[in-house]
C-alpha cells in the first residue's frame, strides 16, 4: 500500500473531494485520457495509486469496466 508521500504526488484535481480516492466523472476516472473503446491512457500513469496498478487487462475489474461501457470482453 502506498504511503501519504506517494498519494500527495497525485494532482489535487484528480482526487475525490472527500479524499476517498480518485475523482470520477460519472463512471470514468478523471485521470483517464482519450476515448473509451478507441484509445485511452492514464494521465498520471507513473504516479497512479496502487488500486489502479492492481487493475490488469482482462482481470475482473477490467472486464467489469468494459461491460459498464458496453464493450465486449477481451479474448482469452
Protein backbone atom coordinates (compact mmCIF):
# COMPACT_ATOMS: atom_id res chain seq x y z
CA UNK A 1 0.00 0.00 0.00
CA UNK A 2 1.30 3.45 -0.83
CA UNK A 3 2.23 5.95 1.82
CA UNK A 4 0.99 9.53 2.21
CA UNK A 5 4.01 10.95 0.35
CA UNK A 6 3.16 8.85 -2.71
CA UNK A 7 -0.51 9.84 -2.60
CA UNK A 8 0.43 13.52 -2.20
CA UNK A 9 2.09 13.38 -5.65
CA UNK A 10 -1.30 12.88 -7.32
CA UNK A 11 -2.58 16.27 -8.59
CA UNK A 12 -5.46 17.53 -6.45
CA UNK A 13 -7.75 17.89 -9.50
CA UNK A 14 -7.79 14.07 -9.82
CA UNK A 15 -8.56 13.35 -6.14
CA UNK A 16 -12.12 12.99 -4.81
CA UNK A 17 -13.32 15.93 -2.71
CA UNK A 18 -13.64 13.68 0.37
CA UNK A 19 -10.10 12.31 -0.27
CA UNK A 20 -11.55 8.78 -0.58
CA UNK A 21 -9.74 8.03 -3.84
CA UNK A 22 -9.58 9.15 -7.43
CA UNK A 23 -12.23 11.63 -8.64
CA UNK A 24 -14.55 10.18 -11.25
CA UNK A 25 -16.60 11.92 -13.91
CA UNK A 26 -19.60 9.58 -13.97
CA UNK A 27 -18.07 6.09 -14.19
CA UNK A 28 -14.84 7.34 -15.73
CA UNK A 29 -11.71 8.21 -13.75
CA UNK A 30 -10.86 11.88 -14.16
CA UNK A 31 -7.23 10.96 -14.96
CA UNK A 32 -8.25 8.81 -17.94
CA UNK A 33 -7.49 10.47 -21.26
CA UNK A 34 -8.72 9.57 -24.73
CA UNK A 35 -11.92 7.96 -25.95
CA UNK A 36 -13.18 4.79 -24.28
CA UNK A 37 -13.36 1.96 -26.80
CA UNK A 38 -10.84 3.58 -29.14
CA UNK A 39 -7.71 4.63 -27.26
CA UNK A 40 -7.31 5.58 -23.62
CA UNK A 41 -4.39 6.15 -21.30
CA UNK A 42 -3.82 7.09 -17.71
CA UNK A 43 -2.84 10.75 -17.45
CA UNK A 44 -0.87 10.06 -14.26
CA UNK A 45 0.44 6.59 -15.11
CA UNK A 46 3.82 6.95 -13.38
CA UNK A 47 2.25 8.12 -10.11
CA UNK A 48 -1.07 6.22 -10.26
CA UNK A 49 -2.25 4.73 -6.95
CA UNK A 50 -1.91 1.05 -6.06
CA UNK A 51 -5.60 0.37 -6.73
CA UNK A 52 -5.02 1.37 -10.36
CA UNK A 53 -1.82 -0.67 -10.60
CA UNK A 54 -3.77 -3.75 -9.48
CA UNK A 55 -6.27 -3.47 -12.38
CA UNK A 56 -4.89 -5.72 -15.10
CA UNK A 57 -6.11 -6.06 -18.71
CA UNK A 58 -8.60 -8.93 -18.80
CA UNK A 59 -8.89 -9.04 -14.99
CA UNK A 60 -12.22 -8.91 -13.17
CA UNK A 61 -12.06 -5.11 -12.64
CA UNK A 62 -11.15 -4.56 -16.29
CA UNK A 63 -13.98 -6.76 -17.54
CA UNK A 64 -16.46 -5.02 -15.22
CA UNK A 65 -15.38 -1.61 -16.57
CA UNK A 66 -15.60 -2.83 -20.18
CA UNK A 67 -19.14 -4.11 -19.53
CA UNK A 68 -20.14 -0.77 -17.95
CA UNK A 69 -19.10 0.94 -21.19
CA UNK A 70 -20.91 -1.58 -23.42
CA UNK A 71 -17.68 -3.13 -24.67
CA UNK A 72 -17.16 -6.83 -25.40
CA UNK A 73 -14.88 -8.97 -23.24
CA UNK A 74 -11.25 -9.31 -24.25
CA UNK A 75 -10.33 -12.58 -25.98
CA UNK A 76 -8.63 -15.13 -23.67
